[in-house]
PDB file of N, CA and C in Angstrom:
ATOM      1  N   MET A   1      18.115  -7.210 -22.531  1.00  0.00           N
ATOM      2  CA  MET A   1      18.266  -8.633 -22.317  1.00  0.00           C
ATOM      3  C   MET A   1      18.432  -9.313 -23.670  1.00  0.00           C
ATOM      4  N   THR A   2      19.386 -10.180 -23.727  1.00  0.00           N
ATOM      5  CA  THR A   2      19.615 -10.930 -24.955  1.00  0.00           C
ATOM      6  C   THR A   2      18.609 -12.078 -25.038  1.00  0.00           C
ATOM      7  N   PRO A   3      18.392 -12.614 -26.226  1.00  0.00           N
ATOM      8  CA  PRO A   3      17.508 -13.783 -26.342  1.00  0.00           C
ATOM      9  C   PRO A   3      17.962 -14.947 -25.458  1.00  0.00           C
ATOM     10  N   ALA A   4      19.263 -15.118 -25.289  1.00  0.00           N
ATOM     11  CA  ALA A   4      19.777 -16.202 -24.442  1.00  0.00           C
ATOM     12  C   ALA A   4      19.372 -15.992 -22.985  1.00  0.00           C
ATOM     13  N   VAL A   5      19.472 -14.761 -22.486  1.00  0.00           N
ATOM     14  CA  VAL A   5      19.078 -14.472 -21.107  1.00  0.00           C
ATOM     15  C   VAL A   5      17.568 -14.617 -20.959  1.00  0.00           C
ATOM     16  N   MET A   6      16.811 -14.187 -21.954  1.00  0.00           N
ATOM     17  CA  MET A   6      15.359 -14.342 -21.917  1.00  0.00           C
ATOM     18  C   MET A   6      14.978 -15.819 -21.855  1.00  0.00           C
ATOM     19  N   ASP A   7      15.652 -16.646 -22.634  1.00  0.00           N
ATOM     20  CA  ASP A   7      15.406 -18.094 -22.595  1.00  0.00           C
ATOM     21  C   ASP A   7      15.764 -18.663 -21.225  1.00  0.00           C
ATOM     22  N   GLU A   8      16.906 -18.230 -20.688  1.00  0.00           N
ATOM     23  CA  GLU A   8      17.338 -18.701 -19.375  1.00  0.00           C
ATOM     24  C   GLU A   8      16.302 -18.335 -18.308  1.00  0.00           C
ATOM     25  N   CYS A   9      15.783 -17.123 -18.366  1.00  0.00           N
ATOM     26  CA  CYS A   9      14.776 -16.683 -17.399  1.00  0.00           C
ATOM     27  C   CYS A   9      13.508 -17.522 -17.517  1.00  0.00           C
ATOM     28  N   ARG A  10      13.076 -17.753 -18.715  1.00  0.00           N
ATOM     29  CA  ARG A  10      11.876 -18.566 -18.947  1.00  0.00           C
ATOM     30  C   ARG A  10      12.063 -19.974 -18.390  1.00  0.00           C
ATOM     31  N   GLU A  11      13.209 -20.568 -18.676  1.00  0.00           N
ATOM     32  CA  GLU A  11      13.503 -21.932 -18.225  1.00  0.00           C
ATOM     33  C   GLU A  11      13.598 -22.027 -16.705  1.00  0.00           C
ATOM     34  N   ARG A  12      14.043 -20.953 -16.060  1.00  0.00           N
ATOM     35  CA  ARG A  12      14.268 -20.984 -14.608  1.00  0.00           C
ATOM     36  C   ARG A  12      13.102 -20.418 -13.813  1.00  0.00           C
ATOM     37  N   GLY A  13      11.980 -20.134 -14.487  1.00  0.00           N
ATOM     38  CA  GLY A  13      10.764 -19.713 -13.798  1.00  0.00           C
ATOM     39  C   GLY A  13      10.744 -18.288 -13.299  1.00  0.00           C
ATOM     40  N   VAL A  14      11.454 -17.403 -13.956  1.00  0.00           N
ATOM     41  CA  VAL A  14      11.476 -15.998 -13.543  1.00  0.00           C
ATOM     42  C   VAL A  14      10.105 -15.368 -13.801  1.00  0.00           C
ATOM     43  N   VAL A  15       9.587 -14.674 -12.783  1.00  0.00           N
ATOM     44  CA  VAL A  15       8.293 -13.998 -12.925  1.00  0.00           C
ATOM     45  C   VAL A  15       8.388 -12.502 -12.650  1.00  0.00           C
ATOM     46  N   ALA A  16       9.521 -12.043 -12.111  1.00  0.00           N
ATOM     47  CA  ALA A  16       9.641 -10.628 -11.753  1.00  0.00           C
ATOM     48  C   ALA A  16      11.086 -10.168 -11.882  1.00  0.00           C
ATOM     49  N   ARG A  17      11.221  -8.837 -11.955  1.00  0.00           N
ATOM     50  CA  ARG A  17      12.548  -8.239 -11.992  1.00  0.00           C
ATOM     51  C   ARG A  17      12.546  -7.076 -11.010  1.00  0.00           C
ATOM     52  N   VAL A  18      13.523  -7.067 -10.116  1.00  0.00           N
ATOM     53  CA  VAL A  18      13.669  -6.009  -9.121  1.00  0.00           C
ATOM     54  C   VAL A  18      15.098  -5.497  -9.210  1.00  0.00           C
ATOM     55  N   CYS A  19      15.237  -4.203  -9.424  1.00  0.00           N
ATOM     56  CA  CYS A  19      16.570  -3.589  -9.532  1.00  0.00           C
ATOM     57  C   CYS A  19      17.418  -4.324 -10.572  1.00  0.00           C
ATOM     58  N   GLY A  20      16.812  -4.783 -11.636  1.00  0.00           N
ATOM     59  CA  GLY A  20      17.554  -5.454 -12.699  1.00  0.00           C
ATOM     60  C   GLY A  20      17.866  -6.912 -12.430  1.00  0.00           C
ATOM     61  N   HIS A  21      17.441  -7.425 -11.281  1.00  0.00           N
ATOM     62  CA  HIS A  21      17.677  -8.824 -10.940  1.00  0.00           C
ATOM     63  C   HIS A  21      16.362  -9.600 -11.039  1.00  0.00           C
ATOM     64  N   HIS A  22      16.456 -10.872 -11.254  1.00  0.00           N
ATOM     65  CA  HIS A  22      15.290 -11.704 -11.521  1.00  0.00           C
ATOM     66  C   HIS A  22      14.856 -12.507 -10.294  1.00  0.00           C
ATOM     67  N   LEU A  23      13.528 -12.694 -10.163  1.00  0.00           N
ATOM     68  CA  LEU A  23      12.951 -13.443  -9.051  1.00  0.00           C
ATOM     69  C   LEU A  23      12.032 -14.534  -9.583  1.00  0.00           C
ATOM     70  N   ASP A  24      11.953 -15.629  -8.834  1.00  0.00           N
ATOM     71  CA  ASP A  24      10.963 -16.653  -9.167  1.00  0.00           C
ATOM     72  C   ASP A  24       9.679 -16.356  -8.390  1.00  0.00           C
ATOM     73  N   ALA A  25       8.662 -17.187  -8.555  1.00  0.00           N
ATOM     74  CA  ALA A  25       7.357 -16.931  -7.941  1.00  0.00           C
ATOM     75  C   ALA A  25       7.404 -16.922  -6.416  1.00  0.00           C
ATOM     76  N   GLN A  26       8.388 -17.577  -5.821  1.00  0.00           N
ATOM     77  CA  GLN A  26       8.531 -17.577  -4.369  1.00  0.00           C
ATOM     78  C   GLN A  26       9.358 -16.403  -3.854  1.00  0.00           C
ATOM     79  N   GLY A  27       9.790 -15.545  -4.757  1.00  0.00           N
ATOM     80  CA  GLY A  27      10.567 -14.376  -4.369  1.00  0.00           C
ATOM     81  C   GLY A  27      12.046 -14.628  -4.212  1.00  0.00           C
ATOM     82  N   ARG A  28      12.504 -15.787  -4.672  1.00  0.00           N
ATOM     83  CA  ARG A  28      13.938 -16.093  -4.576  1.00  0.00           C
ATOM     84  C   ARG A  28      14.685 -15.466  -5.752  1.00  0.00           C
ATOM     85  N   HIS A  29      15.862 -14.947  -5.465  1.00  0.00           N
ATOM     86  CA  HIS A  29      16.718 -14.366  -6.504  1.00  0.00           C
ATOM     87  C   HIS A  29      17.201 -15.480  -7.432  1.00  0.00           C
ATOM     88  N   VAL A  30      16.955 -15.309  -8.716  1.00  0.00           N
ATOM     89  CA  VAL A  30      17.423 -16.267  -9.723  1.00  0.00           C
ATOM     90  C   VAL A  30      18.645 -15.639 -10.391  1.00  0.00           C
ATOM     91  N   HIS A  31      19.802 -16.168 -10.074  1.00  0.00           N
ATOM     92  CA  HIS A  31      21.042 -15.619 -10.636  1.00  0.00           C
ATOM     93  C   HIS A  31      21.152 -16.016 -12.105  1.00  0.00           C
ATOM     94  N   THR A  32      21.257 -15.026 -12.970  1.00  0.00           N
ATOM     95  CA  THR A  32      21.412 -15.259 -14.404  1.00  0.00           C
ATOM     96  C   THR A  32      22.715 -14.631 -14.873  1.00  0.00           C
ATOM     97  N   ASP A  33      23.048 -14.875 -16.126  1.00  0.00           N
ATOM     98  CA  ASP A  33      24.246 -14.248 -16.701  1.00  0.00           C
ATOM     99  C   ASP A  33      24.155 -12.727 -16.641  1.00  0.00           C
ATOM    100  N   LEU A  34      22.949 -12.191 -16.718  1.00  0.00           N
ATOM    101  CA  LEU A  34      22.768 -10.751 -16.688  1.00  0.00           C
ATOM    102  C   LEU A  34      23.162 -10.168 -15.328  1.00  0.00           C
ATOM    103  N   CYS A  35      22.983 -10.933 -14.248  1.00  0.00           N
ATOM    104  CA  CYS A  35      23.339 -10.449 -12.911  1.00  0.00           C
ATOM    105  C   CYS A  35      24.803 -10.030 -12.829  1.00  0.00           C
ATOM    106  N   ASP A  36      25.650 -10.763 -13.509  1.00  0.00           N
ATOM    107  CA  ASP A  36      27.083 -10.463 -13.474  1.00  0.00           C
ATOM    108  C   ASP A  36      27.412  -9.138 -14.143  1.00  0.00           C
ATOM    109  N   ARG A  37      26.506  -8.651 -14.989  1.00  0.00           N
ATOM    110  CA  ARG A  37      26.743  -7.400 -15.708  1.00  0.00           C
ATOM    111  C   ARG A  37      25.871  -6.254 -15.197  1.00  0.00           C
ATOM    112  N   THR A  38      25.063  -6.510 -14.175  1.00  0.00           N
ATOM    113  CA  THR A  38      24.141  -5.507 -13.663  1.00  0.00           C
ATOM    114  C   THR A  38      24.797  -4.724 -12.536  1.00  0.00           C
ATOM    115  N   VAL A  39      24.791  -3.409 -12.677  1.00  0.00           N
ATOM    116  CA  VAL A  39      25.342  -2.543 -11.644  1.00  0.00           C
ATOM    117  C   VAL A  39      24.155  -1.953 -10.893  1.00  0.00           C
ATOM    118  N   CYS A  40      23.779  -2.633  -9.828  1.00  0.00           N
ATOM    119  CA  CYS A  40      22.620  -2.219  -9.063  1.00  0.00           C
ATOM    120  C   CYS A  40      22.622  -2.945  -7.729  1.00  0.00           C
ATOM    121  N   LEU A  41      21.799  -2.495  -6.827  1.00  0.00           N
ATOM    122  CA  LEU A  41      21.662  -3.118  -5.522  1.00  0.00           C
ATOM    123  C   LEU A  41      21.106  -4.535  -5.673  1.00  0.00           C
ATOM    124  N   GLU A  42      21.735  -5.497  -5.022  1.00  0.00           N
ATOM    125  CA  GLU A  42      21.264  -6.879  -5.086  1.00  0.00           C
ATOM    126  C   GLU A  42      19.983  -7.008  -4.274  1.00  0.00           C
ATOM    127  N   PRO A  43      19.061  -7.873  -4.706  1.00  0.00           N
ATOM    128  CA  PRO A  43      17.800  -8.033  -3.963  1.00  0.00           C
ATOM    129  C   PRO A  43      18.016  -8.407  -2.497  1.00  0.00           C
ATOM    130  N   GLU A  44      19.036  -9.194  -2.205  1.00  0.00           N
ATOM    131  CA  GLU A  44      19.302  -9.586  -0.822  1.00  0.00           C
ATOM    132  C   GLU A  44      19.603  -8.364   0.054  1.00  0.00           C
ATOM    133  N   ARG A  45      20.308  -7.406  -0.494  1.00  0.00           N
ATOM    134  CA  ARG A  45      20.597  -6.172   0.252  1.00  0.00           C
ATOM    135  C   ARG A  45      19.357  -5.307   0.345  1.00  0.00           C
ATOM    136  N   LEU A  46      18.553  -5.311  -0.708  1.00  0.00           N
ATOM    137  CA  LEU A  46      17.309  -4.542  -0.723  1.00  0.00           C
ATOM    138  C   LEU A  46      16.387  -5.004   0.403  1.00  0.00           C
ATOM    139  N   ALA A  47      16.334  -6.316   0.645  1.00  0.00           N
ATOM    140  CA  ALA A  47      15.475  -6.869   1.692  1.00  0.00           C
ATOM    141  C   ALA A  47      15.877  -6.382   3.077  1.00  0.00           C
ATOM    142  N   GLY A  48      17.095  -5.920   3.250  1.00  0.00           N
ATOM    143  CA  GLY A  48      17.565  -5.450   4.543  1.00  0.00           C
ATOM    144  C   GLY A  48      17.308  -3.973   4.803  1.00  0.00           C
ATOM    145  N   ILE A  49      16.734  -3.282   3.846  1.00  0.00           N
ATOM    146  CA  ILE A  49      16.450  -1.858   4.005  1.00  0.00           C
ATOM    147  C   ILE A  49      15.083  -1.695   4.676  1.00  0.00           C
ATOM    148  N   LEU A  50      14.998  -0.828   5.677  1.00  0.00           N
ATOM    149  CA  LEU A  50      13.798  -0.673   6.484  1.00  0.00           C
ATOM    150  C   LEU A  50      12.551  -0.296   5.668  1.00  0.00           C
ATOM    151  N   LEU A  51      12.651   0.692   4.803  1.00  0.00           N
ATOM    152  CA  LEU A  51      11.487   1.126   4.022  1.00  0.00           C
ATOM    153  C   LEU A  51      11.827   1.101   2.541  1.00  0.00           C
ATOM    154  N   VAL A  52      11.196   0.194   1.824  1.00  0.00           N
ATOM    155  CA  VAL A  52      11.339   0.102   0.372  1.00  0.00           C
ATOM    156  C   VAL A  52       9.935   0.170  -0.212  1.00  0.00           C
ATOM    157  N   ILE A  53       9.686   1.141  -1.051  1.00  0.00           N
ATOM    158  CA  ILE A  53       8.364   1.342  -1.624  1.00  0.00           C
ATOM    159  C   ILE A  53       8.358   0.820  -3.058  1.00  0.00           C
ATOM    160  N   GLY A  54       7.486  -0.135  -3.322  1.00  0.00           N
ATOM    161  CA  GLY A  54       7.301  -0.659  -4.663  1.00  0.00           C
ATOM    162  C   GLY A  54       6.145   0.060  -5.325  1.00  0.00           C
ATOM    163  N   VAL A  55       6.251   0.295  -6.620  1.00  0.00           N
ATOM    164  CA  VAL A  55       5.190   0.944  -7.375  1.00  0.00           C
ATOM    165  C   VAL A  55       4.912   0.091  -8.606  1.00  0.00           C
ATOM    166  N   ALA A  56       3.699  -0.459  -8.668  1.00  0.00           N
ATOM    167  CA  ALA A  56       3.310  -1.291  -9.809  1.00  0.00           C
ATOM    168  C   ALA A  56       1.800  -1.423  -9.820  1.00  0.00           C
ATOM    169  N   ALA A  57       1.237  -1.543 -11.008  1.00  0.00           N
ATOM    170  CA  ALA A  57      -0.210  -1.684 -11.129  1.00  0.00           C
ATOM    171  C   ALA A  57      -0.550  -2.414 -12.416  1.00  0.00           C
ATOM    172  N   GLY A  58      -1.704  -3.025 -12.410  1.00  0.00           N
ATOM    173  CA  GLY A  58      -2.211  -3.696 -13.599  1.00  0.00           C
ATOM    174  C   GLY A  58      -2.236  -5.198 -13.426  1.00  0.00           C
ATOM    175  N   PRO A  59      -3.122  -5.857 -14.149  1.00  0.00           N
ATOM    176  CA  PRO A  59      -3.270  -7.309 -13.994  1.00  0.00           C
ATOM    177  C   PRO A  59      -2.003  -8.090 -14.317  1.00  0.00           C
ATOM    178  N   GLU A  60      -1.183  -7.571 -15.213  1.00  0.00           N
ATOM    179  CA  GLU A  60       0.056  -8.263 -15.573  1.00  0.00           C
ATOM    180  C   GLU A  60       1.129  -8.144 -14.497  1.00  0.00           C
ATOM    181  N   LYS A  61       0.888  -7.295 -13.497  1.00  0.00           N
ATOM    182  CA  LYS A  61       1.865  -7.089 -12.418  1.00  0.00           C
ATOM    183  C   LYS A  61       1.531  -7.864 -11.145  1.00  0.00           C
ATOM    184  N   VAL A  62       0.379  -8.529 -11.089  1.00  0.00           N
ATOM    185  CA  VAL A  62      -0.028  -9.223  -9.867  1.00  0.00           C
ATOM    186  C   VAL A  62       0.984 -10.301  -9.480  1.00  0.00           C
ATOM    187  N   ILE A  63       1.372 -11.137 -10.412  1.00  0.00           N
ATOM    188  CA  ILE A  63       2.342 -12.201 -10.108  1.00  0.00           C
ATOM    189  C   ILE A  63       3.701 -11.616  -9.725  1.00  0.00           C
ATOM    190  N   PRO A  64       4.232 -10.641 -10.465  1.00  0.00           N
ATOM    191  CA  PRO A  64       5.504 -10.044 -10.042  1.00  0.00           C
ATOM    192  C   PRO A  64       5.420  -9.361  -8.670  1.00  0.00           C
ATOM    193  N   ILE A  65       4.315  -8.676  -8.383  1.00  0.00           N
ATOM    194  CA  ILE A  65       4.166  -8.041  -7.073  1.00  0.00           C
ATOM    195  C   ILE A  65       4.164  -9.105  -5.992  1.00  0.00           C
ATOM    196  N   ARG A  66       3.419 -10.176  -6.216  1.00  0.00           N
ATOM    197  CA  ARG A  66       3.351 -11.260  -5.232  1.00  0.00           C
ATOM    198  C   ARG A  66       4.748 -11.819  -4.954  1.00  0.00           C
ATOM    199  N   ALA A  67       5.565 -11.967  -5.989  1.00  0.00           N
ATOM    200  CA  ALA A  67       6.927 -12.492  -5.822  1.00  0.00           C
ATOM    201  C   ALA A  67       7.789 -11.532  -5.008  1.00  0.00           C
ATOM    202  N   THR A  68       7.681 -10.230  -5.271  1.00  0.00           N
ATOM    203  CA  THR A  68       8.494  -9.269  -4.515  1.00  0.00           C
ATOM    204  C   THR A  68       8.058  -9.205  -3.058  1.00  0.00           C
ATOM    205  N   LEU A  69       6.762  -9.349  -2.807  1.00  0.00           N
ATOM    206  CA  LEU A  69       6.279  -9.390  -1.430  1.00  0.00           C
ATOM    207  C   LEU A  69       6.735 -10.665  -0.728  1.00  0.00           C
ATOM    208  N   ALA A  70       6.649 -11.784  -1.418  1.00  0.00           N
ATOM    209  CA  ALA A  70       7.070 -13.072  -0.836  1.00  0.00           C
ATOM    210  C   ALA A  70       8.547 -13.055  -0.475  1.00  0.00           C
ATOM    211  N   GLY A  71       9.358 -12.387  -1.285  1.00  0.00           N
ATOM    212  CA  GLY A  71      10.791 -12.309  -1.015  1.00  0.00           C
ATOM    213  C   GLY A  71      11.150 -11.269   0.033  1.00  0.00           C
ATOM    214  N   GLY A  72      10.183 -10.449   0.427  1.00  0.00           N
ATOM    215  CA  GLY A  72      10.453  -9.418   1.426  1.00  0.00           C
ATOM    216  C   GLY A  72      11.237  -8.242   0.879  1.00  0.00           C
ATOM    217  N   TYR A  73      11.140  -8.001  -0.417  1.00  0.00           N
ATOM    218  CA  TYR A  73      11.932  -6.936  -1.041  1.00  0.00           C
ATOM    219  C   TYR A  73      11.289  -5.570  -0.946  1.00  0.00           C
ATOM    220  N   VAL A  74       9.976  -5.518  -0.690  1.00  0.00           N
ATOM    221  CA  VAL A  74       9.293  -4.235  -0.513  1.00  0.00           C
ATOM    222  C   VAL A  74       8.529  -4.265   0.799  1.00  0.00           C
ATOM    223  N   SER A  75       8.465  -3.119   1.450  1.00  0.00           N
ATOM    224  CA  SER A  75       7.731  -3.023   2.714  1.00  0.00           C
ATOM    225  C   SER A  75       6.482  -2.170   2.570  1.00  0.00           C
ATOM    226  N   ALA A  76       6.338  -1.497   1.441  1.00  0.00           N
ATOM    227  CA  ALA A  76       5.151  -0.703   1.150  1.00  0.00           C
ATOM    228  C   ALA A  76       4.894  -0.789  -0.353  1.00  0.00           C
ATOM    229  N   LEU A  77       3.629  -0.719  -0.719  1.00  0.00           N
ATOM    230  CA  LEU A  77       3.265  -0.854  -2.131  1.00  0.00           C
ATOM    231  C   LEU A  77       2.305   0.247  -2.537  1.00  0.00           C
ATOM    232  N   VAL A  78       2.605   0.897  -3.647  1.00  0.00           N
ATOM    233  CA  VAL A  78       1.708   1.859  -4.250  1.00  0.00           C
ATOM    234  C   VAL A  78       1.135   1.190  -5.494  1.00  0.00           C
ATOM    235  N   THR A  79      -0.201   1.062  -5.530  1.00  0.00           N
ATOM    236  CA  THR A  79      -0.849   0.401  -6.657  1.00  0.00           C
ATOM    237  C   THR A  79      -2.256   0.952  -6.813  1.00  0.00           C
ATOM    238  N   ASP A  80      -2.995   0.429  -7.781  1.00  0.00           N
ATOM    239  CA  ASP A  80      -4.378   0.854  -7.960  1.00  0.00           C
ATOM    240  C   ASP A  80      -5.319  -0.144  -7.289  1.00  0.00           C
ATOM    241  N   GLU A  81      -6.580   0.217  -7.178  1.00  0.00           N
ATOM    242  CA  GLU A  81      -7.544  -0.627  -6.466  1.00  0.00           C
ATOM    243  C   GLU A  81      -7.748  -1.998  -7.115  1.00  0.00           C
ATOM    244  N   PRO A  82      -7.897  -2.094  -8.446  1.00  0.00           N
ATOM    245  CA  PRO A  82      -8.079  -3.421  -9.032  1.00  0.00           C
ATOM    246  C   PRO A  82      -6.895  -4.359  -8.776  1.00  0.00           C
ATOM    247  N   THR A  83      -5.695  -3.833  -8.811  1.00  0.00           N
ATOM    248  CA  THR A  83      -4.509  -4.652  -8.549  1.00  0.00           C
ATOM    249  C   THR A  83      -4.481  -5.081  -7.090  1.00  0.00           C
ATOM    250  N   ALA A  84      -4.796  -4.166  -6.186  1.00  0.00           N
ATOM    251  CA  ALA A  84      -4.836  -4.491  -4.762  1.00  0.00           C
ATOM    252  C   ALA A  84      -5.881  -5.578  -4.491  1.00  0.00           C
ATOM    253  N   ARG A  85      -7.045  -5.469  -5.111  1.00  0.00           N
ATOM    254  CA  ARG A  85      -8.089  -6.481  -4.923  1.00  0.00           C
ATOM    255  C   ARG A  85      -7.627  -7.841  -5.443  1.00  0.00           C
ATOM    256  N   ALA A  86      -6.960  -7.841  -6.592  1.00  0.00           N
ATOM    257  CA  ALA A  86      -6.458  -9.099  -7.158  1.00  0.00           C
ATOM    258  C   ALA A  86      -5.416  -9.728  -6.239  1.00  0.00           C
ATOM    259  N   LEU A  87      -4.561  -8.915  -5.639  1.00  0.00           N
ATOM    260  CA  LEU A  87      -3.563  -9.434  -4.699  1.00  0.00           C
ATOM    261  C   LEU A  87      -4.225 -10.023  -3.461  1.00  0.00           C
ATOM    262  N   LEU A  88      -5.244  -9.369  -2.961  1.00  0.00           N
ATOM    263  CA  LEU A  88      -5.935  -9.844  -1.773  1.00  0.00           C
ATOM    264  C   LEU A  88      -6.748 -11.117  -2.045  1.00  0.00           C
ATOM    265  N   GLN A  89      -7.315 -11.226  -3.227  1.00  0.00           N
ATOM    266  CA  GLN A  89      -8.106 -12.411  -3.578  1.00  0.00           C
ATOM    267  C   GLN A  89      -7.241 -13.666  -3.616  1.00  0.00           C
ATOM    268  N   ALA A  90      -6.040 -13.511  -4.049  1.00  0.00           N
ATOM    269  CA  ALA A  90      -5.152 -14.669  -4.192  1.00  0.00           C
ATOM    270  C   ALA A  90      -4.465 -15.025  -2.874  1.00  0.00           C
ATOM    271  N   ALA A  91      -4.550 -14.127  -1.897  1.00  0.00           N
ATOM    272  CA  ALA A  91      -3.850 -14.347  -0.616  1.00  0.00           C
ATOM    273  C   ALA A  91      -4.531 -15.384   0.250  1.00  0.00           C
TER     274      ALA A  91
END
């Protein structure tokens, strides 16, 4: 990511990245200049797949995990107990 894309993400409230694409806290895809150069499945298509397993752990991943769940991009999550507890506390 270039400094310009990093600035754009910060300004637009990006909190997570899924398949190289950026999401805001509500799980909405934030289209950036990087999206045009990313060769990967778009988050909208990912949401249509029956079983998508996300793998993430740690306190710094709670907000990004919450965004991916809110957007419906993952249907199963592999994480550790402290991260799971943090997700449940905020729910």
